[in-house]
Structure formats: C-alpha cells, structure tokens
C-alpha cells in the first residue's frame, strides 16, 4: 500500500473528502517526522516504534585511493516492528 492508497482507504472508510483524508495522512506523517527530527521516539503500540540512532564522526578510507577521509557524524531514523504486527504478519 502506498500513500495514495492509504488516503483513498481512509476516505472510503470514514466517508470524508479526499482533501480531508490527505490532510489527515499528511498531518500524521509530518508529526512523526517532526518528532524524529527533535530526537524523540515515536511508539504506536502493537504496530511499531520509530527512533533515531546517532553515529559519531570517524576517519574512513577511500577504497580507490587509500586516502584517509573524514566522515561526519550523522543521525538516522530506524523502525522497529511491534509484537502484535509480527504475530499478524507471521500468522
């Protein structure tokens, strides 16, 4: 399922306009993105949790030239599946 299919399903299930369904889905995803950008953890019980891992900077090596390169620190979002979703998918 992609975002458009989610919007259409929400529209049909809740009997709302496509514009309202789009606003709801966008709000949901934007709030998750904003929370992760602030370093917060987002947990949806039974479904999943999103969190940010921070990696420090380090000295790497260019494999072609062998030259030492500085790799800057970074923050990456991660997804962890919930127990109920695992059971549902695994039957």
PDB file of N, CA and C in Angstrom:
ATOM      1  N   UNK A   1       0.853  -1.176   0.000  1.00  0.00           N
ATOM      2  CA  UNK A   1       0.000   0.000   0.000  1.00  0.00           C
ATOM      3  C   UNK A   1       0.896   1.234   0.000  1.00  0.00           C
ATOM      4  N   UNK A   2       0.571   2.179  -0.847  1.00  0.00           N
ATOM      5  CA  UNK A   2       1.309   3.433  -0.857  1.00  0.00           C
ATOM      6  C   UNK A   2       0.449   4.547  -0.239  1.00  0.00           C
ATOM      7  N   UNK A   3       0.987   5.753  -0.215  1.00  0.00           N
ATOM      8  CA  UNK A   3       0.304   6.867   0.444  1.00  0.00           C
ATOM      9  C   UNK A   3      -1.053   7.172  -0.188  1.00  0.00           C
ATOM     10  N   UNK A   4      -1.111   7.148  -1.502  1.00  0.00           N
ATOM     11  CA  UNK A   4      -2.374   7.438  -2.197  1.00  0.00           C
ATOM     12  C   UNK A   4      -3.437   6.384  -1.869  1.00  0.00           C
ATOM     13  N   UNK A   5      -3.045   5.127  -1.829  1.00  0.00           N
ATOM     14  CA  UNK A   5      -3.990   4.062  -1.468  1.00  0.00           C
ATOM     15  C   UNK A   5      -4.471   4.231  -0.028  1.00  0.00           C
ATOM     16  N   UNK A   6      -3.578   4.636   0.863  1.00  0.00           N
ATOM     17  CA  UNK A   6      -3.963   4.893   2.251  1.00  0.00           C
ATOM     18  C   UNK A   6      -4.984   6.026   2.323  1.00  0.00           C
ATOM     19  N   UNK A   7      -4.757   7.078   1.576  1.00  0.00           N
ATOM     20  CA  UNK A   7      -5.683   8.214   1.542  1.00  0.00           C
ATOM     21  C   UNK A   7      -7.049   7.772   1.022  1.00  0.00           C
ATOM     22  N   UNK A   8      -7.051   6.996  -0.054  1.00  0.00           N
ATOM     23  CA  UNK A   8      -8.324   6.531  -0.616  1.00  0.00           C
ATOM     24  C   UNK A   8      -9.071   5.603   0.341  1.00  0.00           C
ATOM     25  N   UNK A   9      -8.347   4.720   1.032  1.00  0.00           N
ATOM     26  CA  UNK A   9      -8.985   3.836   2.015  1.00  0.00           C
ATOM     27  C   UNK A   9      -9.579   4.633   3.170  1.00  0.00           C
ATOM     28  N   UNK A  10      -8.847   5.628   3.655  1.00  0.00           N
ATOM     29  CA  UNK A  10      -9.339   6.478   4.743  1.00  0.00           C
ATOM     30  C   UNK A  10     -10.584   7.234   4.306  1.00  0.00           C
ATOM     31  N   UNK A  11     -10.559   7.733   3.083  1.00  0.00           N
ATOM     32  CA  UNK A  11     -11.693   8.476   2.529  1.00  0.00           C
ATOM     33  C   UNK A  11     -12.950   7.606   2.490  1.00  0.00           C
ATOM     34  N   UNK A  12     -12.796   6.365   2.028  1.00  0.00           N
ATOM     35  CA  UNK A  12     -13.942   5.461   1.918  1.00  0.00           C
ATOM     36  C   UNK A  12     -14.439   4.983   3.282  1.00  0.00           C
ATOM     37  N   UNK A  13     -13.521   4.615   4.167  1.00  0.00           N
ATOM     38  CA  UNK A  13     -13.897   4.086   5.481  1.00  0.00           C
ATOM     39  C   UNK A  13     -14.586   5.137   6.354  1.00  0.00           C
ATOM     40  N   UNK A  14     -14.077   6.367   6.309  1.00  0.00           N
ATOM     41  CA  UNK A  14     -14.600   7.427   7.175  1.00  0.00           C
ATOM     42  C   UNK A  14     -15.626   8.314   6.474  1.00  0.00           C
ATOM     43  N   UNK A  15     -15.834   8.076   5.196  1.00  0.00           N
ATOM     44  CA  UNK A  15     -16.766   8.858   4.401  1.00  0.00           C
ATOM     45  C   UNK A  15     -16.479  10.362   4.500  1.00  0.00           C
ATOM     46  N   UNK A  16     -15.240  10.695   4.189  1.00  0.00           N
ATOM     47  CA  UNK A  16     -14.811  12.093   4.176  1.00  0.00           C
ATOM     48  C   UNK A  16     -14.287  12.403   2.779  1.00  0.00           C
ATOM     49  N   UNK A  17     -13.996  13.668   2.529  1.00  0.00           N
ATOM     50  CA  UNK A  17     -13.495  14.054   1.214  1.00  0.00           C
ATOM     51  C   UNK A  17     -12.028  13.650   1.079  1.00  0.00           C
ATOM     52  N   UNK A  18     -11.576  13.593  -0.162  1.00  0.00           N
ATOM     53  CA  UNK A  18     -10.186  13.239  -0.411  1.00  0.00           C
ATOM     54  C   UNK A  18      -9.247  14.297   0.166  1.00  0.00           C
ATOM     55  N   UNK A  19      -9.667  15.547   0.115  1.00  0.00           N
ATOM     56  CA  UNK A  19      -8.858  16.643   0.659  1.00  0.00           C
ATOM     57  C   UNK A  19      -8.677  16.474   2.174  1.00  0.00           C
ATOM     58  N   UNK A  20      -9.758  16.114   2.872  1.00  0.00           N
ATOM     59  CA  UNK A  20      -9.676  15.901   4.322  1.00  0.00           C
ATOM     60  C   UNK A  20      -8.811  14.689   4.644  1.00  0.00           C
ATOM     61  N   UNK A  21      -8.960  13.619   3.882  1.00  0.00           N
ATOM     62  CA  UNK A  21      -8.158  12.416   4.108  1.00  0.00           C
ATOM     63  C   UNK A  21      -6.674  12.699   3.870  1.00  0.00           C
ATOM     64  N   UNK A  22      -6.375  13.467   2.826  1.00  0.00           N
ATOM     65  CA  UNK A  22      -4.987  13.840   2.544  1.00  0.00           C
ATOM     66  C   UNK A  22      -4.412  14.670   3.683  1.00  0.00           C
ATOM     67  N   UNK A  23      -5.193  15.599   4.209  1.00  0.00           N
ATOM     68  CA  UNK A  23      -4.739  16.439   5.317  1.00  0.00           C
ATOM     69  C   UNK A  23      -4.430  15.583   6.557  1.00  0.00           C
ATOM     70  N   UNK A  24      -5.265  14.600   6.839  1.00  0.00           N
ATOM     71  CA  UNK A  24      -5.066  13.728   7.999  1.00  0.00           C
ATOM     72  C   UNK A  24      -3.789  12.905   7.845  1.00  0.00           C
ATOM     73  N   UNK A  25      -3.612  12.289   6.679  1.00  0.00           N
ATOM     74  CA  UNK A  25      -2.426  11.457   6.436  1.00  0.00           C
ATOM     75  C   UNK A  25      -1.161  12.312   6.474  1.00  0.00           C
ATOM     76  N   UNK A  26      -1.196  13.484   5.837  1.00  0.00           N
ATOM     77  CA  UNK A  26      -0.032  14.382   5.855  1.00  0.00           C
ATOM     78  C   UNK A  26       0.297  14.829   7.272  1.00  0.00           C
ATOM     79  N   UNK A  27      -0.721  15.162   8.056  1.00  0.00           N
ATOM     80  CA  UNK A  27      -0.511  15.570   9.438  1.00  0.00           C
ATOM     81  C   UNK A  27       0.154  14.448  10.237  1.00  0.00           C
ATOM     82  N   UNK A  28      -0.327  13.225  10.061  1.00  0.00           N
ATOM     83  CA  UNK A  28       0.220  12.071  10.763  1.00  0.00           C
ATOM     84  C   UNK A  28       1.706  11.888  10.440  1.00  0.00           C
ATOM     85  N   UNK A  29       2.040  11.869   9.157  1.00  0.00           N
ATOM     86  CA  UNK A  29       3.432  11.664   8.767  1.00  0.00           C
ATOM     87  C   UNK A  29       4.322  12.844   9.156  1.00  0.00           C
ATOM     88  N   UNK A  30       3.798  14.060   9.048  1.00  0.00           N
ATOM     89  CA  UNK A  30       4.585  15.240   9.431  1.00  0.00           C
ATOM     90  C   UNK A  30       4.895  15.252  10.924  1.00  0.00           C
ATOM     91  N   UNK A  31       3.935  14.856  11.747  1.00  0.00           N
ATOM     92  CA  UNK A  31       4.163  14.832  13.195  1.00  0.00           C
ATOM     93  C   UNK A  31       5.207  13.785  13.570  1.00  0.00           C
ATOM     94  N   UNK A  32       5.175  12.627  12.903  1.00  0.00           N
ATOM     95  CA  UNK A  32       6.200  11.609  13.151  1.00  0.00           C
ATOM     96  C   UNK A  32       7.568  12.145  12.736  1.00  0.00           C
ATOM     97  N   UNK A  33       7.644  12.755  11.561  1.00  0.00           N
ATOM     98  CA  UNK A  33       8.913  13.315  11.070  1.00  0.00           C
ATOM     99  C   UNK A  33       9.439  14.402  11.992  1.00  0.00           C
ATOM    100  N   UNK A  34       8.555  15.286  12.456  1.00  0.00           N
ATOM    101  CA  UNK A  34       8.966  16.365  13.365  1.00  0.00           C
ATOM    102  C   UNK A  34       9.505  15.813  14.675  1.00  0.00           C
ATOM    103  N   UNK A  35       8.828  14.809  15.224  1.00  0.00           N
ATOM    104  CA  UNK A  35       9.273  14.213  16.485  1.00  0.00           C
ATOM    105  C   UNK A  35      10.648  13.571  16.315  1.00  0.00           C
ATOM    106  N   UNK A  36      10.864  12.858  15.225  1.00  0.00           N
ATOM    107  CA  UNK A  36      12.162  12.225  14.986  1.00  0.00           C
ATOM    108  C   UNK A  36      13.256  13.266  14.779  1.00  0.00           C
ATOM    109  N   UNK A  37      12.925  14.361  14.096  1.00  0.00           N
ATOM    110  CA  UNK A  37      13.898  15.430  13.876  1.00  0.00           C
ATOM    111  C   UNK A  37      14.334  16.062  15.192  1.00  0.00           C
ATOM    112  N   UNK A  38      13.445  16.063  16.183  1.00  0.00           N
ATOM    113  CA  UNK A  38      13.770  16.603  17.502  1.00  0.00           C
ATOM    114  C   UNK A  38      14.468  15.576  18.383  1.00  0.00           C
ATOM    115  N   UNK A  39      14.611  14.346  17.873  1.00  0.00           N
ATOM    116  CA  UNK A  39      15.290  13.304  18.637  1.00  0.00           C
ATOM    117  C   UNK A  39      14.361  12.479  19.506  1.00  0.00           C
ATOM    118  N   UNK A  40      13.058  12.687  19.387  1.00  0.00           N
ATOM    119  CA  UNK A  40      12.086  11.932  20.185  1.00  0.00           C
ATOM    120  C   UNK A  40      11.845  10.557  19.586  1.00  0.00           C
ATOM    121  N   UNK A  41      11.333   9.669  20.411  1.00  0.00           N
ATOM    122  CA  UNK A  41      10.939   8.332  19.977  1.00  0.00           C
ATOM    123  C   UNK A  41       9.431   8.343  19.747  1.00  0.00           C
ATOM    124  N   UNK A  42       8.967   7.687  18.681  1.00  0.00           N
ATOM    125  CA  UNK A  42       7.543   7.596  18.369  1.00  0.00           C
ATOM    126  C   UNK A  42       7.146   6.131  18.497  1.00  0.00           C
ATOM    127  N   UNK A  43       6.154   5.863  19.347  1.00  0.00           N
ATOM    128  CA  UNK A  43       5.714   4.485  19.554  1.00  0.00           C
ATOM    129  C   UNK A  43       4.222   4.374  19.288  1.00  0.00           C
ATOM    130  N   UNK A  44       3.866   3.448  18.416  1.00  0.00           N
ATOM    131  CA  UNK A  44       2.470   3.145  18.138  1.00  0.00           C
ATOM    132  C   UNK A  44       2.264   1.720  18.641  1.00  0.00           C
ATOM    133  N   UNK A  45       1.663   1.599  19.813  1.00  0.00           N
ATOM    134  CA  UNK A  45       1.530   0.306  20.499  1.00  0.00           C
ATOM    135  C   UNK A  45       0.976  -0.773  19.588  1.00  0.00           C
ATOM    136  N   UNK A  46       1.647  -1.910  19.578  1.00  0.00           N
ATOM    137  CA  UNK A  46       1.213  -3.053  18.802  1.00  0.00           C
ATOM    138  C   UNK A  46       1.626  -3.011  17.342  1.00  0.00           C
ATOM    139  N   UNK A  47       1.983  -1.832  16.853  1.00  0.00           N
ATOM    140  CA  UNK A  47       2.343  -1.701  15.445  1.00  0.00           C
ATOM    141  C   UNK A  47       3.849  -1.566  15.260  1.00  0.00           C
ATOM    142  N   UNK A  48       4.401  -0.470  15.786  1.00  0.00           N
ATOM    143  CA  UNK A  48       5.828  -0.224  15.569  1.00  0.00           C
ATOM    144  C   UNK A  48       6.314   0.919  16.452  1.00  0.00           C
ATOM    145  N   UNK A  49       7.620   1.126  16.395  1.00  0.00           N
ATOM    146  CA  UNK A  49       8.205   2.317  17.008  1.00  0.00           C
ATOM    147  C   UNK A  49       9.273   2.847  16.061  1.00  0.00           C
ATOM    148  N   UNK A  50       9.429   4.145  16.083  1.00  0.00           N
ATOM    149  CA  UNK A  50      10.445   4.830  15.294  1.00  0.00           C
ATOM    150  C   UNK A  50      11.382   5.507  16.274  1.00  0.00           C
ATOM    151  N   UNK A  51      12.679   5.466  15.982  1.00  0.00           N
ATOM    152  CA  UNK A  51      13.645   6.134  16.833  1.00  0.00           C
ATOM    153  C   UNK A  51      14.838   6.555  15.997  1.00  0.00           C
ATOM    154  N   UNK A  52      15.671   7.398  16.592  1.00  0.00           N
ATOM    155  CA  UNK A  52      16.835   7.931  15.889  1.00  0.00           C
ATOM    156  C   UNK A  52      18.097   7.402  16.554  1.00  0.00           C
ATOM    157  N   UNK A  53      19.012   6.898  15.737  1.00  0.00           N
ATOM    158  CA  UNK A  53      20.325   6.479  16.228  1.00  0.00           C
ATOM    159  C   UNK A  53      21.338   7.526  15.802  1.00  0.00           C
ATOM    160  N   UNK A  54      22.227   7.845  16.719  1.00  0.00           N
ATOM    161  CA  UNK A  54      23.268   8.817  16.409  1.00  0.00           C
ATOM    162  C   UNK A  54      24.593   8.096  16.248  1.00  0.00           C
ATOM    163  N   UNK A  55      25.300   8.440  15.178  1.00  0.00           N
ATOM    164  CA  UNK A  55      26.595   7.848  14.903  1.00  0.00           C
ATOM    165  C   UNK A  55      27.657   8.940  14.962  1.00  0.00           C
ATOM    166  N   UNK A  56      28.743   8.711  15.697  1.00  0.00           N
ATOM    167  CA  UNK A  56      29.799   9.732  15.787  1.00  0.00           C
ATOM    168  C   UNK A  56      30.605   9.811  14.492  1.00  0.00           C
ATOM    169  N   UNK A  57      31.348  10.902  14.337  1.00  0.00           N
ATOM    170  CA  UNK A  57      32.211  11.038  13.164  1.00  0.00           C
ATOM    171  C   UNK A  57      33.417  10.104  13.340  1.00  0.00           C
ATOM    172  N   UNK A  58      34.041   9.770  12.226  1.00  0.00           N
ATOM    173  CA  UNK A  58      35.206   8.897  12.286  1.00  0.00           C
ATOM    174  C   UNK A  58      36.066   9.123  11.047  1.00  0.00           C
ATOM    175  N   UNK A  59      37.261   8.561  11.081  1.00  0.00           N
ATOM    176  CA  UNK A  59      38.168   8.638   9.934  1.00  0.00           C
ATOM    177  C   UNK A  59      37.979   7.382   9.096  1.00  0.00           C
ATOM    178  N   UNK A  60      37.535   7.560   7.864  1.00  0.00           N
ATOM    179  CA  UNK A  60      37.357   6.446   6.945  1.00  0.00           C
ATOM    180  C   UNK A  60      38.464   6.434   5.913  1.00  0.00           C
ATOM    181  N   UNK A  61      38.334   5.524   4.955  1.00  0.00           N
ATOM    182  CA  UNK A  61      39.343   5.414   3.919  1.00  0.00           C
ATOM    183  C   UNK A  61      38.665   5.274   2.563  1.00  0.00           C
ATOM    184  N   UNK A  62      39.141   6.041   1.598  1.00  0.00           N
ATOM    185  CA  UNK A  62      38.654   5.917   0.232  1.00  0.00           C
ATOM    186  C   UNK A  62      39.231   4.622  -0.340  1.00  0.00           C
ATOM    187  N   UNK A  63      38.386   3.634  -0.688  1.00  0.00           N
ATOM    188  CA  UNK A  63      38.915   2.347  -1.144  1.00  0.00           C
ATOM    189  C   UNK A  63      39.672   2.410  -2.478  1.00  0.00           C
ATOM    190  N   UNK A  64      39.394   3.409  -3.286  1.00  0.00           N
ATOM    191  CA  UNK A  64      40.080   3.503  -4.581  1.00  0.00           C
ATOM    192  C   UNK A  64      41.482   4.088  -4.445  1.00  0.00           C
ATOM    193  N   UNK A  65      41.609   5.119  -3.605  1.00  0.00           N
ATOM    194  CA  UNK A  65      42.901   5.806  -3.500  1.00  0.00           C
ATOM    195  C   UNK A  65      43.655   5.467  -2.222  1.00  0.00           C
ATOM    196  N   UNK A  66      42.952   4.941  -1.237  1.00  0.00           N
ATOM    197  CA  UNK A  66      43.587   4.657   0.051  1.00  0.00           C
ATOM    198  C   UNK A  66      43.714   5.897   0.916  1.00  0.00           C
ATOM    199  N   UNK A  67      43.225   7.015   0.424  1.00  0.00           N
ATOM    200  CA  UNK A  67      43.311   8.289   1.137  1.00  0.00           C
ATOM    201  C   UNK A  67      42.386   8.277   2.360  1.00  0.00           C
ATOM    202  N   UNK A  68      42.866   8.846   3.473  1.00  0.00           N
ATOM    203  CA  UNK A  68      42.044   8.966   4.678  1.00  0.00           C
ATOM    204  C   UNK A  68      41.041  10.095   4.482  1.00  0.00           C
ATOM    205  N   UNK A  69      39.778   9.811   4.858  1.00  0.00           N
ATOM    206  CA  UNK A  69      38.697  10.773   4.662  1.00  0.00           C
ATOM    207  C   UNK A  69      37.941  10.934   5.978  1.00  0.00           C
ATOM    208  N   UNK A  70      37.555  12.172   6.289  1.00  0.00           N
ATOM    209  CA  UNK A  70      36.741  12.426   7.481  1.00  0.00           C
ATOM    210  C   UNK A  70      35.275  12.169   7.149  1.00  0.00           C
ATOM    211  N   UNK A  71      34.638  11.302   7.926  1.00  0.00           N
ATOM    212  CA  UNK A  71      33.218  11.015   7.758  1.00  0.00           C
ATOM    213  C   UNK A  71      32.482  11.730   8.892  1.00  0.00           C
ATOM    214  N   UNK A  72      31.585  12.672   8.580  1.00  0.00           N
ATOM    215  CA  UNK A  72      30.908  13.442   9.634  1.00  0.00           C
ATOM    216  C   UNK A  72      29.914  12.588  10.426  1.00  0.00           C
ATOM    217  N   UNK A  73      29.579  13.065  11.611  1.00  0.00           N
ATOM    218  CA  UNK A  73      28.577  12.369  12.428  1.00  0.00           C
ATOM    219  C   UNK A  73      27.224  12.472  11.746  1.00  0.00           C
ATOM    220  N   UNK A  74      26.333  11.523  12.082  1.00  0.00           N
ATOM    221  CA  UNK A  74      25.019  11.541  11.453  1.00  0.00           C
ATOM    222  C   UNK A  74      23.976  10.949  12.381  1.00  0.00           C
ATOM    223  N   UNK A  75      22.729  11.275  12.081  1.00  0.00           N
ATOM    224  CA  UNK A  75      21.574  10.742  12.797  1.00  0.00           C
ATOM    225  C   UNK A  75      20.677  10.065  11.773  1.00  0.00           C
ATOM    226  N   UNK A  76      20.305   8.811  12.049  1.00  0.00           N
ATOM    227  CA  UNK A  76      19.482   8.065  11.102  1.00  0.00           C
ATOM    228  C   UNK A  76      18.226   7.534  11.781  1.00  0.00           C
ATOM    229  N   UNK A  77      17.085   7.604  11.093  1.00  0.00           N
ATOM    230  CA  UNK A  77      15.842   7.060  11.655  1.00  0.00           C
ATOM    231  C   UNK A  77      15.800   5.536  11.492  1.00  0.00           C
ATOM    232  N   UNK A  78      15.218   4.858  12.492  1.00  0.00           N
ATOM    233  CA  UNK A  78      15.051   3.408  12.457  1.00  0.00           C
ATOM    234  C   UNK A  78      13.621   3.045  12.804  1.00  0.00           C
ATOM    235  N   UNK A  79      13.219   1.884  12.338  1.00  0.00           N
ATOM    236  CA  UNK A  79      11.873   1.352  12.533  1.00  0.00           C
ATOM    237  C   UNK A  79      12.001   0.009  13.235  1.00  0.00           C
ATOM    238  N   UNK A  80      11.200  -0.210  14.269  1.00  0.00           N
ATOM    239  CA  UNK A  80      11.184  -1.496  14.960  1.00  0.00           C
ATOM    240  C   UNK A  80       9.739  -1.980  15.002  1.00  0.00           C
ATOM    241  N   UNK A  81       9.519  -3.190  14.527  1.00  0.00           N
ATOM    242  CA  UNK A  81       8.166  -3.740  14.441  1.00  0.00           C
ATOM    243  C   UNK A  81       7.669  -4.145  15.832  1.00  0.00           C
ATOM    244  N   UNK A  82       6.364  -3.974  16.077  1.00  0.00           N
ATOM    245  CA  UNK A  82       5.751  -4.355  17.339  1.00  0.00           C
ATOM    246  C   UNK A  82       5.372  -5.831  17.368  1.00  0.00           C
ATOM    247  N   UNK A  83       5.163  -6.371  18.556  1.00  0.00           N
ATOM    248  CA  UNK A  83       4.838  -7.792  18.726  1.00  0.00           C
ATOM    249  C   UNK A  83       3.549  -8.180  18.016  1.00  0.00           C
ATOM    250  N   UNK A  84       2.511  -7.371  18.168  1.00  0.00           N
ATOM    251  CA  UNK A  84       1.223  -7.702  17.547  1.00  0.00           C
ATOM    252  C   UNK A  84       1.318  -7.738  16.028  1.00  0.00           C
ATOM    253  N   UNK A  85       2.057  -6.811  15.440  1.00  0.00           N
ATOM    254  CA  UNK A  85       2.239  -6.801  13.983  1.00  0.00           C
ATOM    255  C   UNK A  85       3.025  -8.024  13.535  1.00  0.00           C
ATOM    256  N   UNK A  86       4.039  -8.384  14.297  1.00  0.00           N
ATOM    257  CA  UNK A  86       4.819  -9.595  13.977  1.00  0.00           C
ATOM    258  C   UNK A  86       3.914 -10.819  13.924  1.00  0.00           C
ATOM    259  N   UNK A  87       3.068 -10.977  14.940  1.00  0.00           N
ATOM    260  CA  UNK A  87       2.172 -12.124  15.001  1.00  0.00           C
ATOM    261  C   UNK A  87       1.183 -12.109  13.833  1.00  0.00           C
ATOM    262  N   UNK A  88       0.677 -10.939  13.526  1.00  0.00           N
ATOM    263  CA  UNK A  88      -0.325 -10.823  12.467  1.00  0.00           C
ATOM    264  C   UNK A  88       0.254 -11.163  11.086  1.00  0.00           C
ATOM    265  N   UNK A  89       1.469 -10.740  10.838  1.00  0.00           N
ATOM    266  CA  UNK A  89       2.120 -10.997   9.556  1.00  0.00           C
ATOM    267  C   UNK A  89       2.565 -12.463   9.461  1.00  0.00           C
ATOM    268  N   UNK A  90       3.016 -13.026  10.575  1.00  0.00           N
ATOM    269  CA  UNK A  90       3.538 -14.395  10.586  1.00  0.00           C
ATOM    270  C   UNK A  90       2.440 -15.434  10.695  1.00  0.00           C
ATOM    271  N   UNK A  91       1.207 -14.997  10.866  1.00  0.00           N
ATOM    272  CA  UNK A  91       0.026 -15.855  11.044  1.00  0.00           C
ATOM    273  C   UNK A  91       0.118 -16.529  12.360  1.00  0.00           C
TER     274      UNK A  91
END
